[in-house]
Every structure is written in C-alpha cells, then in structure tokens.
Amino acid sequence: MRLAFRALGGAAGVAWRESFPLGGRDVARWFPGHMAKGLKKMQSSLKLVDCIIEVHDARIPLSGRNPLFQETLGLKPHVLVLNKMDLADLKEQQKIIQHLEGEGLKNVVFTNCLQDENVKQIIPTVTGLVGSSCRYHRGEVCERPLMFLLDTPGVLAPRIESVEMGLKLALCGTVLDHLVGEETLADYLLYTLNRHQLFGYVRHYGLGGACDDIASVLKQVAVRLGKTQKVKVLTGTGDVNVIQPNYPAAARDFLQTFRRGLLGPVMLDRDVLQRSPVAEP
C-alpha cells in the first residue's frame, strides 16, 4: 500500500514524491504492553469522574484519538485540549473545530501549556460543564471553585487504524521511535514537509536546496553536524577504517529538531482536513 498525493512543484521546479511506501509494517506491535494496563485502569476510573479532560497533540487534531473518550461522550462532560498549538499550523483552525463538532465535540481548547493564556480557559469550561452535579473530592486542583484531579497515564488506542496514522503519532513522539525506525520516520517527515512545501529544514541545516531523497538529506545533515562514524571495510589488502556519515544520528537530530518546532509549524492532518466536507453556514 502507498500513500499518494498530487505531485507538487516546489523549489526550483522540483517534483516531489507522489507516494510513500506503507506496506510491510506491523502496526500492531507499535502499541506498548504497558499502555494496555493503563487503558484498563482508565476505564475503571471513569465511574469516579464528573468530567473528562482529553489532552491531544494539536499537530494531529483528528488522528489517533482514543475511542474510549468518544464512547463516553454521551455519558460524561468532555473537554478536548489540543496542546502544543505553537508547533501546529492552525491556518485551518475553524475547519478543525467544525470537524470535531461533527464528531460530537463542542468543547475544544487550543493551548501551549508552557506559555499560554488559553490554559486558564480549562477550569472555567470544566466548571460550567459539571454544573450542579455532585463532585468527588480527589487530588485538589484549585480552591475557587473547589476542584480535584484524577490523573491517568497517556495511552494510545489499542488498535492503530492505519500505518499512516501510526507514522503521524510517532512523529509527535507518541510511539517510540525505535519501534518504527528512526530513518523511516525521518523519511516520512521529509516526505510530509516537501509535499506541504515547508522547507524550513533547508534553512535550519544550511542545505543547498530542498531534496526528496532522505539518504542525501541525512548525509548532508550528518556532515554539517559532524556526526560521523568509523566503519571497517574489508579490502583485498586487509581491513580499512573508513569515515562515513552516521545516518541514524542524523535522523535522530532531524526528528528532534522537528519536535522542538525549529522547522516551523506543521499540520500533519492536512490531508484529513482536505477530505473533510465543509459545513454549511
């Protein structure tokens, strides 16, 4: 299976890849065993809470959300907090909200928990939703109004719907890199940046231009960062130590740089938004 898109002409008239190979990847093993335990604990705790606050990454507002929350929407007040909004391209924020409203989510708060006033909207929103219902006294959050928090571990859905969704989750750090492969993730990131015509990586690493070949990009990144390694090569005259680019180290830096927002804001769910019908006014 391949993920396809319309070819884009980018810098200097380059035509980017039209698809990304998705076949042959075992998505099932990307769900760590400890998350299954956390999911069961979360399910058993639901009867103790008056309002659910779901925190999700704003770069993937429509992908990878746990269906457990969707199953309880009609039973419990629910607030979706889309955090890391500073790392997300929110040009289509209204369309995101409309899409989520179509799924029954009417209380959505975009935040940057490190430095953002929007975080202060959460408690008033929860207070309004809980209303006059009985509140259980647990870990205290604030005194005015009196509110308590029951925290749970972050867990994925037990079944990742597709390889594409799994790659998006992994780019956001939700799936461990080594389960997917750092160079595979770096390649998917490069594919995504190029098809969205986001060339911040060229400026950040001082490359000669945009490129769609991950081996070439990682080689340039490794050389510029001094990430090299000695490799023993067998020749007709004996073993010879050769200095080669450290591709895994370069891929790791590429991913970390993206996650810190140094390549610019990105909306990984742009393809989902483009397929989403526009709501009638």
Protein backbone atom coordinates (compact mmCIF):
# COMPACT_ATOMS: atom_id res chain seq x y z
CA MET A 1 0.00 0.00 0.00
CA ARG A 2 1.19 3.51 -0.77
CA LEU A 3 0.04 6.88 0.48
CA ALA A 4 -0.46 9.02 -2.63
CA PHE A 5 -0.89 12.72 -3.26
CA ARG A 6 -0.82 15.15 -6.16
CA ALA A 7 2.72 15.95 -7.31
CA LEU A 8 3.83 19.37 -6.17
CA GLY A 9 6.28 21.64 -7.87
CA GLY A 10 8.45 23.15 -5.19
CA ALA A 11 11.75 24.92 -5.01
CA ALA A 12 13.41 25.25 -8.40
CA GLY A 13 10.57 23.32 -10.05
CA VAL A 14 11.29 20.07 -8.20
CA ALA A 15 8.57 17.41 -8.43
CA TRP A 16 8.20 15.66 -5.08
CA ARG A 17 7.38 12.02 -4.48
CA GLU A 18 3.80 11.13 -5.28
CA SER A 19 3.57 8.37 -2.66
CA PHE A 20 5.17 6.96 0.46
CA PRO A 21 5.56 3.16 0.82
CA LEU A 22 3.39 1.95 3.70
CA GLY A 23 3.31 -1.81 3.17
CA GLY A 24 5.04 -4.45 5.25
CA ARG A 25 4.88 -2.57 8.56
CA ASP A 26 3.50 -4.28 11.66
CA VAL A 27 1.45 -1.51 13.25
CA ALA A 28 0.12 -3.83 15.97
CA ARG A 29 3.49 -4.03 17.72
CA TRP A 30 3.66 -0.23 17.99
CA PHE A 31 1.19 -0.41 20.92
CA PRO A 32 3.36 -0.96 24.04
CA GLY A 33 2.15 -3.54 26.55
CA HIS A 34 2.16 -1.12 29.49
CA MET A 35 -0.44 1.00 27.69
CA ALA A 36 -2.94 -1.86 27.79
CA LYS A 37 -2.65 -1.87 31.58
CA GLY A 38 -3.05 1.91 31.68
CA LEU A 39 -6.12 1.69 29.45
CA LYS A 40 -7.82 -0.79 31.79
CA LYS A 41 -7.04 1.45 34.76
CA MET A 42 -8.52 4.41 32.92
CA GLN A 43 -11.71 2.52 32.10
CA SER A 44 -12.18 1.51 35.72
CA SER A 45 -11.70 5.13 36.84
CA LEU A 46 -14.34 6.62 34.56
CA LYS A 47 -17.16 5.99 37.02
CA LEU A 48 -15.36 8.19 39.56
CA VAL A 49 -15.11 11.34 37.45
CA ASP A 50 -17.56 14.10 36.58
CA CYS A 51 -15.75 15.49 33.54
CA ILE A 52 -13.16 14.08 31.13
CA ILE A 53 -10.28 16.30 30.00
CA GLU A 54 -8.63 14.70 26.98
CA VAL A 55 -5.23 16.13 26.00
CA HIS A 56 -4.11 15.58 22.42
CA ASP A 57 -1.42 16.97 20.12
CA ALA A 58 -2.61 19.96 18.05
CA ARG A 59 -0.47 18.81 15.10
CA ILE A 60 -2.73 15.74 14.73
CA PRO A 61 -6.10 17.02 15.99
CA LEU A 62 -8.08 14.41 14.03
CA SER A 63 -5.78 11.38 14.08
CA GLY A 64 -5.09 8.79 16.76
CA ARG A 65 -7.55 9.92 19.42
CA ASN A 66 -8.52 7.16 21.82
CA PRO A 67 -12.02 5.80 21.01
CA LEU A 68 -12.60 5.28 24.74
CA PHE A 69 -13.32 9.00 25.03
CA GLN A 70 -15.66 9.00 22.06
CA GLU A 71 -17.64 6.13 23.60
CA THR A 72 -18.22 8.16 26.76
CA LEU A 73 -19.11 11.48 25.10
CA GLY A 74 -22.82 10.95 25.70
CA LEU A 75 -22.25 9.92 29.31
CA LYS A 76 -19.69 12.36 30.71
CA PRO A 77 -18.94 16.05 30.12
CA HIS A 78 -15.89 16.15 27.87
CA VAL A 79 -13.23 18.78 27.07
CA LEU A 80 -10.67 18.22 24.32
CA VAL A 81 -7.43 20.13 24.94
CA LEU A 82 -5.30 20.39 21.80
CA ASN A 83 -1.89 21.18 23.24
CA LYS A 84 1.36 22.28 21.54
CA MET A 85 -0.55 24.73 19.38
CA ASP A 86 2.70 26.69 18.98
CA LEU A 87 4.07 23.76 16.94
CA ALA A 88 0.96 23.39 14.77
CA ASP A 89 -0.01 25.22 11.60
CA LEU A 90 -3.51 26.40 12.54
CA LYS A 91 -4.47 28.28 9.39
CA GLU A 92 -7.50 25.97 9.17
CA GLN A 93 -8.34 26.05 12.87
CA GLN A 94 -12.01 26.77 12.21
CA LYS A 95 -12.26 23.75 9.92
CA ILE A 96 -10.69 21.60 12.65
CA ILE A 97 -13.30 22.81 15.13
CA GLN A 98 -16.12 22.14 12.64
CA HIS A 99 -14.82 18.62 12.02
CA LEU A 100 -14.65 17.89 15.76
CA GLU A 101 -18.12 19.34 16.31
CA GLY A 102 -19.35 16.89 13.70
CA GLU A 103 -17.99 14.12 15.93
CA GLY A 104 -19.91 15.49 18.92
CA LEU A 105 -17.10 17.54 20.48
CA LYS A 106 -18.31 21.03 21.32
CA ASN A 107 -15.71 21.99 23.94
CA VAL A 108 -12.28 22.33 22.32
CA VAL A 109 -9.44 24.39 23.79
CA PHE A 110 -6.18 25.06 21.93
CA THR A 111 -3.24 25.55 24.29
CA ASN A 112 0.51 25.88 24.62
CA CYS A 113 0.87 24.72 28.22
CA LEU A 114 4.36 26.23 28.56
CA GLN A 115 3.34 29.83 27.92
CA ASP A 116 -0.25 30.45 27.02
CA GLU A 117 -3.27 32.20 28.49
CA ASN A 118 -5.62 29.65 26.92
CA VAL A 119 -4.74 27.16 29.66
CA LYS A 120 -6.76 29.35 32.02
CA GLN A 121 -9.89 28.56 29.98
CA ILE A 122 -9.88 24.91 31.03
CA ILE A 123 -11.09 25.20 34.63
CA PRO A 124 -13.98 27.60 33.84
CA THR A 125 -15.00 25.31 30.98
CA VAL A 126 -14.97 22.24 33.23
CA THR A 127 -16.85 24.12 35.97
CA GLY A 128 -19.57 25.11 33.55
CA LEU A 129 -19.91 21.56 32.21
CA VAL A 130 -20.09 19.89 35.59
CA GLY A 131 -22.67 22.43 36.70
CA SER A 132 -24.71 21.30 39.65
CA SER A 133 -23.71 17.63 39.50
CA CYS A 134 -22.05 16.03 42.53
CA ARG A 135 -18.26 16.31 42.56
CA TYR A 136 -15.94 13.76 44.11
CA HIS A 137 -13.05 15.04 46.23
CA ARG A 138 -9.74 13.77 44.87
CA GLY A 139 -6.36 15.37 44.11
CA GLU A 140 -7.01 19.09 44.65
CA VAL A 141 -6.53 21.34 41.62
CA CYS A 142 -7.77 24.67 42.93
CA GLU A 143 -9.89 26.18 45.69
CA ARG A 144 -12.10 28.53 43.67
CA PRO A 145 -14.05 26.60 42.62
CA LEU A 146 -13.13 23.54 44.67
CA MET A 147 -11.94 21.02 42.09
CA PHE A 148 -9.94 17.80 42.20
CA LEU A 149 -7.99 15.96 39.54
CA LEU A 150 -7.69 12.23 38.93
CA ASP A 151 -4.76 11.83 36.55
CA THR A 152 -4.29 8.87 34.20
CA PRO A 153 -1.35 7.73 32.06
CA GLY A 154 -1.31 8.68 28.41
CA VAL A 155 -2.42 5.76 26.26
CA LEU A 156 -2.94 5.10 22.59
CA ALA A 157 -5.93 3.33 21.17
CA PRO A 158 -5.26 -0.44 21.33
CA ARG A 159 -5.59 -0.61 17.56
CA ILE A 160 -3.88 1.98 15.36
CA GLU A 161 -6.17 2.34 12.35
CA SER A 162 -3.50 2.61 9.66
CA VAL A 163 0.23 2.81 9.05
CA GLU A 164 -0.18 6.45 8.04
CA MET A 165 -1.82 7.28 11.37
CA GLY A 166 0.90 5.35 13.19
CA LEU A 167 3.61 7.38 11.45
CA LYS A 168 1.90 10.64 12.42
CA LEU A 169 1.65 9.51 16.05
CA ALA A 170 5.30 8.51 16.01
CA LEU A 171 6.39 11.88 14.58
CA CYS A 172 4.67 13.53 17.55
CA GLY A 173 6.54 11.25 19.95
CA THR A 174 3.53 9.13 20.93
CA VAL A 175 5.05 5.92 19.56
CA LEU A 176 8.65 5.04 20.43
CA ASP A 177 10.98 5.84 17.53
CA HIS A 178 12.78 2.50 17.57
CA LEU A 179 9.51 0.61 17.06
CA VAL A 180 9.04 2.36 13.72
CA GLY A 181 12.67 3.04 12.81
CA GLU A 182 14.29 6.47 13.07
CA GLU A 183 15.33 6.61 9.42
CA THR A 184 11.86 5.53 8.29
CA LEU A 185 10.33 8.28 10.44
CA ALA A 186 12.81 10.83 9.12
CA ASP A 187 11.90 9.83 5.57
CA TYR A 188 8.16 10.22 6.28
CA LEU A 189 8.86 13.62 7.85
CA LEU A 190 10.82 14.72 4.78
CA TYR A 191 8.02 13.45 2.52
CA THR A 192 5.45 15.40 4.56
CA LEU A 193 7.44 18.64 4.69
CA ASN A 194 8.09 18.61 0.96
CA ARG A 195 4.52 17.85 -0.09
CA HIS A 196 3.35 20.71 2.15
CA GLN A 197 6.12 22.88 0.67
CA LEU A 198 7.61 23.56 4.09
CA PHE A 199 11.32 24.00 3.53
CA GLY A 200 12.41 25.17 6.97
CA TYR A 201 14.78 22.20 7.14
CA VAL A 202 16.79 23.68 4.25
CA ARG A 203 17.32 26.93 6.13
CA HIS A 204 17.90 25.27 9.50
CA TYR A 205 20.64 22.94 8.29
CA GLY A 206 22.03 25.30 5.65
CA LEU A 207 21.45 22.84 2.81
CA GLY A 208 21.97 23.74 -0.82
CA GLY A 209 18.28 23.28 -1.56
CA ALA A 210 15.20 21.18 -0.93
CA CYS A 211 15.63 17.48 -1.63
CA ASP A 212 13.30 14.48 -1.63
CA ASP A 213 15.95 11.79 -1.10
CA ILE A 214 16.31 11.01 2.60
CA ALA A 215 19.76 9.42 2.22
CA SER A 216 21.09 12.59 0.59
CA VAL A 217 19.49 14.85 3.22
CA LEU A 218 20.76 12.78 6.16
CA LYS A 219 24.24 12.66 4.65
CA GLN A 220 24.34 16.46 4.44
CA VAL A 221 22.93 16.81 7.96
CA ALA A 222 25.49 14.35 9.36
CA VAL A 223 28.40 16.13 7.68
CA ARG A 224 27.27 19.58 8.83
CA LEU A 225 26.76 18.40 12.42
CA GLY A 226 29.95 16.37 12.49
CA LYS A 227 28.02 13.16 13.10
CA THR A 228 30.32 10.59 11.51
CA GLN A 229 31.47 7.09 12.40
CA LYS A 230 34.35 4.78 11.58
CA VAL A 231 33.37 1.71 9.58
CA LYS A 232 35.71 -1.20 8.96
CA VAL A 233 35.76 -2.19 5.28
CA LEU A 234 37.32 -5.43 4.07
CA THR A 235 39.55 -4.92 1.02
CA GLY A 236 41.96 -7.08 -0.92
CA THR A 237 44.85 -5.73 1.14
CA GLY A 238 43.17 -6.03 4.54
CA ASP A 239 40.75 -4.13 6.74
CA VAL A 240 40.50 -0.37 6.22
CA ASN A 241 38.74 2.11 8.52
CA VAL A 242 36.51 4.45 6.53
CA ILE A 243 34.79 7.56 7.89
CA GLN A 244 31.11 7.55 6.95
CA PRO A 245 28.11 9.73 7.84
CA ASN A 246 26.20 8.49 10.87
CA TYR A 247 22.75 8.22 9.29
CA PRO A 248 20.88 7.11 12.46
CA ALA A 249 22.33 10.05 14.43
CA ALA A 250 21.39 12.47 11.65
CA ALA A 251 17.85 11.03 11.52
CA ARG A 252 17.56 11.41 15.29
CA ASP A 253 18.60 15.07 15.10
CA PHE A 254 16.17 15.70 12.22
CA LEU A 255 13.28 14.29 14.28
CA GLN A 256 14.22 16.13 17.46
CA THR A 257 14.59 19.40 15.57
CA PHE A 258 11.08 18.96 14.14
CA ARG A 259 9.62 18.16 17.57
CA ARG A 260 11.16 21.29 19.08
CA GLY A 261 9.42 23.38 16.42
CA LEU A 262 12.65 24.56 14.81
CA LEU A 263 11.45 23.59 11.32
CA GLY A 264 8.33 25.73 11.61
CA PRO A 265 4.68 24.94 12.46
CA VAL A 266 3.21 21.86 10.76
CA MET A 267 -0.29 20.40 10.42
CA LEU A 268 0.16 16.65 9.96
CA ASP A 269 -3.59 16.16 9.48
CA ARG A 270 -3.82 18.48 6.48
CA ASP A 271 -4.78 15.56 4.23
CA VAL A 272 -7.64 14.62 6.58
CA LEU A 273 -8.86 18.22 6.62
CA GLN A 274 -8.80 18.38 2.83
CA ARG A 275 -11.02 15.31 2.67
CA SER A 276 -13.36 16.71 5.32
CA PRO A 277 -16.57 18.26 3.90
CA VAL A 278 -17.10 21.95 4.60
CA ALA A 279 -20.01 22.54 6.98
CA GLU A 280 -22.95 24.53 5.68
CA PRO A 281 -23.13 28.09 7.12
